[in-house]
């Protein structure tokens, strides 16, 4: 197994462990995973090709869809809804 795929697997395990945390404790590791994801995806894509990059990007967007929507709305100047209000 190549080093980028090994780190990708570790990233997935870290994301699964983060998801098991209480919501109040998910933010710091979740942001770290979200920041690390593009670097990891580019590394995987440069070693293994665009197909693996696309599959990884699909997985990241699937797992982080709500934070990505929140940050996109905030960047567009809209007032995003607070996810804590859904409880």
N, C-alpha and C. Protein backbone atom coordinates (compact mmCIF):
# COMPACT_ATOMS: atom_id res chain seq x y z
N UNK A 1 0.85 -1.18 0.00
CA UNK A 1 0.00 0.00 0.00
C UNK A 1 0.89 1.24 0.00
N UNK A 2 0.48 2.22 -0.76
CA UNK A 2 1.27 3.44 -0.85
C UNK A 2 1.05 4.33 0.37
N UNK A 3 1.99 5.21 0.59
CA UNK A 3 1.92 6.11 1.75
C UNK A 3 0.70 7.04 1.69
N UNK A 4 0.36 7.63 0.53
CA UNK A 4 -0.83 8.49 0.52
C UNK A 4 -2.12 7.73 0.86
N UNK A 5 -2.25 6.50 0.39
CA UNK A 5 -3.44 5.73 0.72
C UNK A 5 -3.46 5.32 2.19
N UNK A 6 -2.31 5.07 2.75
CA UNK A 6 -2.23 4.76 4.18
C UNK A 6 -2.70 5.96 5.01
N UNK A 7 -2.22 7.14 4.65
CA UNK A 7 -2.66 8.34 5.35
C UNK A 7 -4.15 8.61 5.10
N UNK A 8 -4.63 8.28 3.90
CA UNK A 8 -6.05 8.42 3.62
C UNK A 8 -6.89 7.51 4.51
N UNK A 9 -6.43 6.29 4.71
CA UNK A 9 -7.13 5.35 5.61
C UNK A 9 -7.11 5.85 7.04
N UNK A 10 -5.99 6.39 7.47
CA UNK A 10 -5.91 6.95 8.83
C UNK A 10 -6.82 8.15 8.98
N UNK A 11 -6.95 8.95 7.91
CA UNK A 11 -7.84 10.10 7.93
C UNK A 11 -9.29 9.63 8.10
N UNK A 12 -9.67 8.57 7.40
CA UNK A 12 -11.03 8.03 7.51
C UNK A 12 -11.31 7.51 8.92
N UNK A 13 -10.34 6.82 9.51
CA UNK A 13 -10.50 6.33 10.88
C UNK A 13 -10.63 7.51 11.84
N UNK A 14 -9.82 8.54 11.66
CA UNK A 14 -9.90 9.72 12.52
C UNK A 14 -11.26 10.41 12.36
N UNK A 15 -11.77 10.46 11.13
CA UNK A 15 -13.09 11.08 10.90
C UNK A 15 -14.19 10.26 11.57
N UNK A 16 -14.09 8.94 11.51
CA UNK A 16 -15.10 8.10 12.16
C UNK A 16 -15.05 8.26 13.68
N UNK A 17 -13.85 8.34 14.24
CA UNK A 17 -13.73 8.54 15.68
C UNK A 17 -14.25 9.92 16.10
N UNK A 18 -14.01 10.91 15.26
CA UNK A 18 -14.50 12.26 15.54
C UNK A 18 -16.03 12.28 15.52
N UNK A 19 -16.62 11.54 14.61
CA UNK A 19 -18.08 11.50 14.52
C UNK A 19 -18.71 10.85 15.75
N UNK A 20 -17.95 10.02 16.44
CA UNK A 20 -18.48 9.37 17.64
C UNK A 20 -18.41 10.26 18.88
N UNK A 21 -17.70 11.37 18.78
CA UNK A 21 -17.60 12.30 19.91
C UNK A 21 -18.91 13.04 20.10
N UNK A 22 -19.15 13.56 21.30
CA UNK A 22 -20.32 14.44 21.48
C UNK A 22 -20.18 15.67 20.58
N UNK A 23 -21.30 16.22 20.16
CA UNK A 23 -21.30 17.33 19.19
C UNK A 23 -20.42 18.49 19.64
N UNK A 24 -20.41 18.80 20.93
CA UNK A 24 -19.62 19.93 21.42
C UNK A 24 -18.12 19.70 21.27
N UNK A 25 -17.68 18.46 21.20
CA UNK A 25 -16.25 18.16 21.09
C UNK A 25 -15.82 17.81 19.66
N UNK A 26 -16.73 17.84 18.72
CA UNK A 26 -16.40 17.48 17.34
C UNK A 26 -15.73 18.62 16.58
N UNK A 27 -15.92 19.84 16.99
CA UNK A 27 -15.46 20.98 16.19
C UNK A 27 -13.95 21.04 15.97
N UNK A 28 -13.11 21.03 17.02
CA UNK A 28 -11.66 21.15 16.75
C UNK A 28 -11.09 20.03 15.88
N UNK A 29 -11.36 18.74 16.18
CA UNK A 29 -10.80 17.72 15.29
C UNK A 29 -11.46 17.74 13.92
N UNK A 30 -12.73 18.12 13.85
CA UNK A 30 -13.42 18.19 12.56
C UNK A 30 -12.81 19.26 11.65
N UNK A 31 -12.49 20.41 12.21
CA UNK A 31 -11.86 21.47 11.41
C UNK A 31 -10.47 21.04 10.96
N UNK A 32 -9.73 20.38 11.84
CA UNK A 32 -8.40 19.89 11.45
C UNK A 32 -8.50 18.88 10.31
N UNK A 33 -9.48 18.00 10.37
CA UNK A 33 -9.68 17.03 9.29
C UNK A 33 -10.10 17.73 8.01
N UNK A 34 -10.95 18.74 8.13
CA UNK A 34 -11.42 19.47 6.94
C UNK A 34 -10.28 20.25 6.29
N UNK A 35 -9.37 20.78 7.08
CA UNK A 35 -8.22 21.51 6.54
C UNK A 35 -7.22 20.54 5.90
N UNK A 36 -7.04 19.37 6.50
CA UNK A 36 -6.08 18.39 5.98
C UNK A 36 -6.57 17.70 4.72
N UNK A 37 -7.88 17.63 4.52
CA UNK A 37 -8.45 16.87 3.40
C UNK A 37 -7.95 17.32 2.02
N UNK A 38 -7.92 18.61 1.69
CA UNK A 38 -7.45 18.98 0.34
C UNK A 38 -6.00 18.59 0.08
N UNK A 39 -5.15 18.74 1.08
CA UNK A 39 -3.75 18.36 0.91
C UNK A 39 -3.61 16.86 0.68
N UNK A 40 -4.35 16.10 1.45
CA UNK A 40 -4.33 14.66 1.31
C UNK A 40 -4.90 14.24 -0.05
N UNK A 41 -5.96 14.87 -0.49
CA UNK A 41 -6.56 14.54 -1.78
C UNK A 41 -5.63 14.86 -2.95
N UNK A 42 -4.96 15.99 -2.87
CA UNK A 42 -4.00 16.34 -3.94
C UNK A 42 -2.85 15.34 -3.96
N UNK A 43 -2.39 14.92 -2.79
CA UNK A 43 -1.32 13.94 -2.71
C UNK A 43 -1.76 12.61 -3.30
N UNK A 44 -2.94 12.15 -2.94
CA UNK A 44 -3.46 10.90 -3.49
C UNK A 44 -3.66 11.03 -4.99
N UNK A 45 -4.21 12.15 -5.44
CA UNK A 45 -4.43 12.36 -6.87
C UNK A 45 -3.14 12.42 -7.67
N UNK A 46 -2.10 13.02 -7.11
CA UNK A 46 -0.84 13.12 -7.84
C UNK A 46 -0.13 11.77 -7.96
N UNK A 47 -0.35 10.89 -6.99
CA UNK A 47 0.29 9.58 -7.02
C UNK A 47 -0.54 8.56 -7.79
N UNK A 48 -1.86 8.58 -7.61
CA UNK A 48 -2.71 7.52 -8.14
C UNK A 48 -3.63 7.94 -9.28
N UNK A 49 -3.74 9.22 -9.58
CA UNK A 49 -4.55 9.66 -10.70
C UNK A 49 -5.84 10.36 -10.28
N UNK A 50 -6.49 10.94 -11.30
CA UNK A 50 -7.66 11.77 -11.06
C UNK A 50 -8.86 10.97 -10.57
N UNK A 51 -8.98 9.71 -10.95
CA UNK A 51 -10.13 8.92 -10.53
C UNK A 51 -10.16 8.77 -9.00
N UNK A 52 -9.01 8.48 -8.42
CA UNK A 52 -8.94 8.33 -6.96
C UNK A 52 -9.13 9.68 -6.27
N UNK A 53 -8.67 10.74 -6.93
CA UNK A 53 -8.92 12.08 -6.40
C UNK A 53 -10.41 12.37 -6.39
N UNK A 54 -11.11 12.03 -7.47
CA UNK A 54 -12.55 12.26 -7.56
C UNK A 54 -13.31 11.44 -6.53
N UNK A 55 -12.93 10.19 -6.34
CA UNK A 55 -13.59 9.35 -5.34
C UNK A 55 -13.36 9.90 -3.93
N UNK A 56 -12.15 10.33 -3.65
CA UNK A 56 -11.85 10.91 -2.34
C UNK A 56 -12.59 12.21 -2.12
N UNK A 57 -12.67 13.03 -3.16
CA UNK A 57 -13.40 14.29 -3.04
C UNK A 57 -14.88 14.04 -2.78
N UNK A 58 -15.45 13.05 -3.45
CA UNK A 58 -16.84 12.68 -3.22
C UNK A 58 -17.05 12.26 -1.76
N UNK A 59 -16.13 11.49 -1.22
CA UNK A 59 -16.24 11.03 0.17
C UNK A 59 -16.14 12.19 1.15
N UNK A 60 -15.21 13.10 0.91
CA UNK A 60 -15.02 14.24 1.82
C UNK A 60 -16.25 15.15 1.79
N UNK A 61 -16.75 15.44 0.60
CA UNK A 61 -17.93 16.31 0.50
C UNK A 61 -19.15 15.62 1.12
N UNK A 62 -19.24 14.32 0.98
CA UNK A 62 -20.35 13.58 1.59
C UNK A 62 -20.29 13.66 3.11
N UNK A 63 -19.12 13.52 3.68
CA UNK A 63 -18.99 13.53 5.14
C UNK A 63 -19.10 14.93 5.73
N UNK A 64 -18.64 15.94 5.00
CA UNK A 64 -18.59 17.31 5.54
C UNK A 64 -19.58 18.22 4.82
N UNK A 65 -20.71 17.70 4.35
CA UNK A 65 -21.63 18.51 3.57
C UNK A 65 -22.21 19.67 4.38
N UNK A 66 -22.59 19.45 5.60
CA UNK A 66 -23.18 20.54 6.39
C UNK A 66 -22.18 21.64 6.73
N UNK A 67 -20.97 21.30 7.20
CA UNK A 67 -20.00 22.40 7.44
C UNK A 67 -19.62 23.13 6.16
N UNK A 68 -19.52 22.41 5.04
CA UNK A 68 -19.18 23.06 3.78
C UNK A 68 -20.29 24.00 3.32
N UNK A 69 -21.54 23.59 3.48
CA UNK A 69 -22.67 24.47 3.15
C UNK A 69 -22.66 25.69 4.05
N UNK A 70 -22.40 25.50 5.33
CA UNK A 70 -22.35 26.62 6.28
C UNK A 70 -21.28 27.63 5.87
N UNK A 71 -20.06 27.14 5.59
CA UNK A 71 -18.96 28.05 5.22
C UNK A 71 -19.19 28.69 3.86
N UNK A 72 -19.83 27.98 2.93
CA UNK A 72 -20.13 28.57 1.62
C UNK A 72 -21.15 29.69 1.75
N UNK A 73 -22.16 29.49 2.57
CA UNK A 73 -23.16 30.54 2.77
C UNK A 73 -22.55 31.74 3.49
N UNK A 74 -21.68 31.46 4.44
CA UNK A 74 -21.03 32.55 5.17
C UNK A 74 -20.11 33.35 4.22
N UNK A 75 -19.40 32.65 3.33
CA UNK A 75 -18.52 33.32 2.38
C UNK A 75 -19.31 34.13 1.34
N UNK A 76 -20.54 33.68 1.04
CA UNK A 76 -21.38 34.39 0.08
C UNK A 76 -22.08 35.59 0.69
N UNK A 77 -21.89 35.82 1.98
CA UNK A 77 -22.49 36.97 2.63
C UNK A 77 -23.88 36.71 3.17
N UNK A 78 -24.36 35.49 3.07
CA UNK A 78 -25.66 35.15 3.63
C UNK A 78 -25.52 34.87 5.12
N UNK A 79 -26.63 34.89 5.81
CA UNK A 79 -26.62 34.54 7.23
C UNK A 79 -26.96 33.06 7.33
N UNK A 80 -25.95 32.21 7.55
CA UNK A 80 -26.24 30.77 7.65
C UNK A 80 -26.96 30.46 8.94
N UNK A 81 -27.81 29.42 8.88
CA UNK A 81 -28.50 29.00 10.10
C UNK A 81 -27.49 28.34 11.04
N UNK A 82 -27.72 28.52 12.30
CA UNK A 82 -26.82 27.95 13.31
C UNK A 82 -27.18 26.50 13.53
N UNK A 83 -26.25 25.55 13.30
CA UNK A 83 -26.57 24.13 13.46
C UNK A 83 -26.95 23.76 14.88
N UNK A 84 -26.60 24.57 15.84
CA UNK A 84 -26.95 24.26 17.24
C UNK A 84 -28.43 24.49 17.50
N UNK A 85 -29.11 25.23 16.59
CA UNK A 85 -30.54 25.50 16.77
C UNK A 85 -31.39 24.31 16.37
N UNK A 86 -30.81 23.30 15.74
CA UNK A 86 -31.57 22.14 15.27
C UNK A 86 -31.85 21.13 16.37
N UNK A 87 -31.22 21.24 17.49
CA UNK A 87 -31.36 20.23 18.53
C UNK A 87 -32.68 20.26 19.22
